[in-house]
N, C-alpha and C. Protein backbone atom coordinates (compact mmCIF):
# COMPACT_ATOMS: atom_id res chain seq x y z
N MET A 1 13.16 15.08 25.44
CA MET A 1 14.23 14.12 25.51
C MET A 1 15.57 14.85 25.46
N LYS A 2 16.51 14.36 26.22
CA LYS A 2 17.84 14.95 26.23
C LYS A 2 18.50 14.78 24.88
N ASP A 3 19.47 15.64 24.60
CA ASP A 3 20.24 15.54 23.37
C ASP A 3 21.35 14.52 23.57
N ILE A 4 21.01 13.25 23.42
CA ILE A 4 21.94 12.15 23.65
C ILE A 4 22.50 11.68 22.31
N THR A 5 23.78 11.41 22.28
CA THR A 5 24.42 10.83 21.11
C THR A 5 25.28 9.67 21.60
N THR A 6 25.09 8.50 20.99
CA THR A 6 25.85 7.33 21.35
C THR A 6 26.63 6.87 20.14
N ARG A 7 27.87 6.41 20.38
CA ARG A 7 28.74 5.97 19.29
C ARG A 7 29.18 4.53 19.53
N TYR A 8 29.26 3.78 18.43
CA TYR A 8 29.71 2.39 18.44
C TYR A 8 30.73 2.26 17.32
N THR A 9 31.87 1.63 17.57
CA THR A 9 32.88 1.52 16.53
C THR A 9 33.41 0.10 16.38
N ASN A 10 33.83 -0.20 15.16
CA ASN A 10 34.49 -1.47 14.88
C ASN A 10 35.92 -1.23 14.41
N GLY A 11 36.40 -0.02 14.53
CA GLY A 11 37.74 0.34 14.07
C GLY A 11 37.72 0.96 12.69
N GLU A 12 36.86 0.48 11.82
CA GLU A 12 36.75 1.03 10.47
C GLU A 12 35.77 2.20 10.41
N ILE A 13 34.61 2.00 11.02
CA ILE A 13 33.60 3.05 11.04
C ILE A 13 33.12 3.25 12.48
N THR A 14 32.51 4.38 12.69
CA THR A 14 31.82 4.66 13.95
C THR A 14 30.37 4.93 13.61
N VAL A 15 29.47 4.16 14.20
CA VAL A 15 28.04 4.34 14.05
C VAL A 15 27.60 5.34 15.11
N VAL A 16 26.84 6.34 14.69
CA VAL A 16 26.35 7.38 15.59
C VAL A 16 24.84 7.25 15.67
N TRP A 17 24.33 7.19 16.90
CA TRP A 17 22.89 7.08 17.12
C TRP A 17 22.42 8.27 17.94
N LYS A 18 21.41 8.97 17.40
CA LYS A 18 20.79 10.11 18.09
C LYS A 18 19.32 9.75 18.33
N PRO A 19 19.02 9.21 19.51
CA PRO A 19 17.66 8.72 19.77
C PRO A 19 16.58 9.78 19.66
N ALA A 20 16.89 11.03 19.88
CA ALA A 20 15.88 12.08 19.79
C ALA A 20 15.35 12.24 18.37
N LEU A 21 16.12 11.82 17.38
CA LEU A 21 15.70 11.91 15.98
C LEU A 21 14.93 10.69 15.51
N CYS A 22 14.99 9.60 16.26
CA CYS A 22 14.43 8.32 15.82
C CYS A 22 12.91 8.37 15.70
N THR A 23 12.41 7.90 14.54
CA THR A 23 10.97 7.83 14.32
C THR A 23 10.44 6.41 14.47
N HIS A 24 11.29 5.50 14.91
CA HIS A 24 10.93 4.11 15.18
C HIS A 24 10.31 3.42 13.96
N SER A 25 10.93 3.61 12.82
CA SER A 25 10.47 2.98 11.59
C SER A 25 10.78 1.48 11.59
N ARG A 26 11.70 1.05 12.44
CA ARG A 26 12.10 -0.35 12.59
C ARG A 26 12.94 -0.87 11.44
N ARG A 27 13.31 -0.02 10.51
CA ARG A 27 14.10 -0.47 9.36
C ARG A 27 15.46 -1.01 9.78
N CYS A 28 16.05 -0.42 10.81
CA CYS A 28 17.38 -0.85 11.23
C CYS A 28 17.36 -2.30 11.69
N PHE A 29 16.46 -2.63 12.61
CA PHE A 29 16.51 -3.99 13.15
C PHE A 29 15.74 -5.00 12.34
N THR A 30 14.83 -4.59 11.48
CA THR A 30 14.22 -5.58 10.59
C THR A 30 15.16 -5.87 9.42
N GLY A 31 15.99 -4.91 9.06
CA GLY A 31 16.93 -5.11 7.96
C GLY A 31 18.24 -5.75 8.35
N LEU A 32 18.65 -5.55 9.60
CA LEU A 32 19.94 -6.09 10.05
C LEU A 32 19.88 -6.41 11.54
N PRO A 33 19.11 -7.44 11.91
CA PRO A 33 18.90 -7.76 13.32
C PRO A 33 20.14 -8.25 14.06
N ASP A 34 21.16 -8.71 13.34
CA ASP A 34 22.39 -9.13 14.02
C ASP A 34 23.21 -7.95 14.53
N VAL A 35 22.89 -6.77 14.06
CA VAL A 35 23.57 -5.56 14.52
C VAL A 35 22.65 -4.71 15.39
N PHE A 36 21.43 -4.49 14.93
CA PHE A 36 20.49 -3.60 15.62
C PHE A 36 19.40 -4.43 16.29
N ASP A 37 19.42 -4.50 17.61
CA ASP A 37 18.44 -5.28 18.35
C ASP A 37 18.02 -4.51 19.60
N PRO A 38 16.86 -3.86 19.56
CA PRO A 38 16.43 -3.03 20.70
C PRO A 38 16.15 -3.81 21.98
N ARG A 39 16.13 -5.13 21.90
CA ARG A 39 15.91 -5.93 23.11
C ARG A 39 17.20 -6.15 23.88
N LYS A 40 18.34 -5.85 23.26
CA LYS A 40 19.64 -6.05 23.90
C LYS A 40 20.21 -4.73 24.40
N ARG A 41 21.15 -4.83 25.30
CA ARG A 41 21.90 -3.66 25.77
C ARG A 41 23.37 -3.99 25.70
N PRO A 42 24.18 -3.28 24.99
CA PRO A 42 23.76 -2.19 24.11
C PRO A 42 22.99 -2.74 22.92
N TRP A 43 22.15 -1.93 22.35
CA TRP A 43 21.27 -2.39 21.28
C TRP A 43 21.96 -2.48 19.93
N VAL A 44 23.17 -1.91 19.82
CA VAL A 44 23.96 -2.00 18.60
C VAL A 44 25.15 -2.91 18.86
N THR A 45 25.23 -4.01 18.11
CA THR A 45 26.36 -4.93 18.19
C THR A 45 27.08 -4.83 16.86
N ILE A 46 28.01 -3.92 16.78
CA ILE A 46 28.65 -3.60 15.51
C ILE A 46 29.45 -4.75 14.93
N ALA A 47 29.82 -5.72 15.73
CA ALA A 47 30.54 -6.90 15.24
C ALA A 47 29.61 -7.88 14.53
N GLY A 48 28.31 -7.60 14.48
CA GLY A 48 27.34 -8.52 13.91
C GLY A 48 27.27 -8.55 12.40
N ALA A 49 28.01 -7.67 11.72
CA ALA A 49 27.99 -7.65 10.25
C ALA A 49 29.23 -6.93 9.75
N THR A 50 29.44 -7.01 8.46
CA THR A 50 30.57 -6.31 7.86
C THR A 50 30.32 -4.81 7.85
N THR A 51 31.39 -4.08 7.74
CA THR A 51 31.27 -2.62 7.67
C THR A 51 30.37 -2.22 6.51
N GLU A 52 30.56 -2.84 5.35
CA GLU A 52 29.78 -2.48 4.17
C GLU A 52 28.29 -2.71 4.38
N ARG A 53 27.96 -3.81 5.02
CA ARG A 53 26.54 -4.12 5.27
C ARG A 53 25.93 -3.16 6.27
N ILE A 54 26.68 -2.79 7.28
CA ILE A 54 26.19 -1.82 8.26
C ILE A 54 25.94 -0.47 7.59
N VAL A 55 26.87 -0.05 6.76
CA VAL A 55 26.71 1.23 6.05
C VAL A 55 25.46 1.19 5.16
N GLU A 56 25.27 0.09 4.44
CA GLU A 56 24.07 -0.05 3.60
C GLU A 56 22.79 0.11 4.43
N GLN A 57 22.78 -0.51 5.60
CA GLN A 57 21.58 -0.44 6.43
C GLN A 57 21.37 0.95 7.01
N ILE A 58 22.43 1.60 7.40
CA ILE A 58 22.30 2.96 7.94
C ILE A 58 21.71 3.90 6.90
N HIS A 59 22.04 3.68 5.64
CA HIS A 59 21.48 4.51 4.56
C HIS A 59 19.96 4.33 4.43
N GLN A 60 19.41 3.29 5.03
CA GLN A 60 17.96 3.04 5.00
C GLN A 60 17.22 3.77 6.12
N CYS A 61 17.94 4.39 7.05
CA CYS A 61 17.32 5.08 8.19
C CYS A 61 16.64 6.36 7.69
N PRO A 62 15.31 6.43 7.77
CA PRO A 62 14.60 7.59 7.21
C PRO A 62 14.72 8.87 8.05
N SER A 63 15.03 8.73 9.32
CA SER A 63 15.03 9.90 10.20
C SER A 63 16.40 10.55 10.35
N GLY A 64 17.46 9.82 10.01
CA GLY A 64 18.80 10.33 10.25
C GLY A 64 19.28 10.08 11.67
N ALA A 65 18.53 9.31 12.44
CA ALA A 65 18.94 9.00 13.80
C ALA A 65 20.21 8.15 13.81
N LEU A 66 20.38 7.34 12.77
CA LEU A 66 21.60 6.56 12.60
C LEU A 66 22.44 7.17 11.49
N SER A 67 23.70 7.37 11.79
CA SER A 67 24.64 7.84 10.78
C SER A 67 25.98 7.16 11.09
N TYR A 68 26.98 7.47 10.30
CA TYR A 68 28.29 6.87 10.52
C TYR A 68 29.36 7.78 9.94
N PHE A 69 30.58 7.54 10.35
CA PHE A 69 31.72 8.14 9.69
C PHE A 69 32.84 7.11 9.66
N ARG A 70 33.68 7.23 8.65
CA ARG A 70 34.82 6.32 8.51
C ARG A 70 35.94 6.85 9.38
N ASN A 71 36.49 5.98 10.21
CA ASN A 71 37.52 6.38 11.16
C ASN A 71 38.80 6.85 10.48
N ASP A 72 39.13 6.28 9.33
CA ASP A 72 40.34 6.72 8.63
C ASP A 72 40.19 8.16 8.13
N ALA A 73 38.96 8.60 7.87
CA ALA A 73 38.75 9.98 7.44
C ALA A 73 39.02 10.96 8.57
N VAL A 74 38.80 10.52 9.81
CA VAL A 74 39.05 11.37 10.98
C VAL A 74 40.53 11.49 11.24
N THR A 75 41.26 10.40 11.10
CA THR A 75 42.70 10.41 11.43
C THR A 75 43.58 10.85 10.27
N ALA A 76 43.03 10.88 9.07
CA ALA A 76 43.83 11.26 7.90
C ALA A 76 43.88 12.76 7.79
N GLY A 77 44.54 13.42 8.50
CA GLY A 77 44.40 14.83 8.48
C GLY A 77 45.46 15.61 8.01
């Protein structure tokens, strides 16, 4: 698989998805289906939940395929 990285942002955070790392545990979309839905394109709808809830769910990703960074940390330099 190619080394693909996809980013989704809501202004506060940027969600980073690396599909090559994904183990398909399904925790993302069973835990937060309003944001993570593999039947949709794009499969991440970051407007589907609060930033805090998205961060909580990303911490449940066992493979590290989903991560995030806070946008203010990038611009606060």
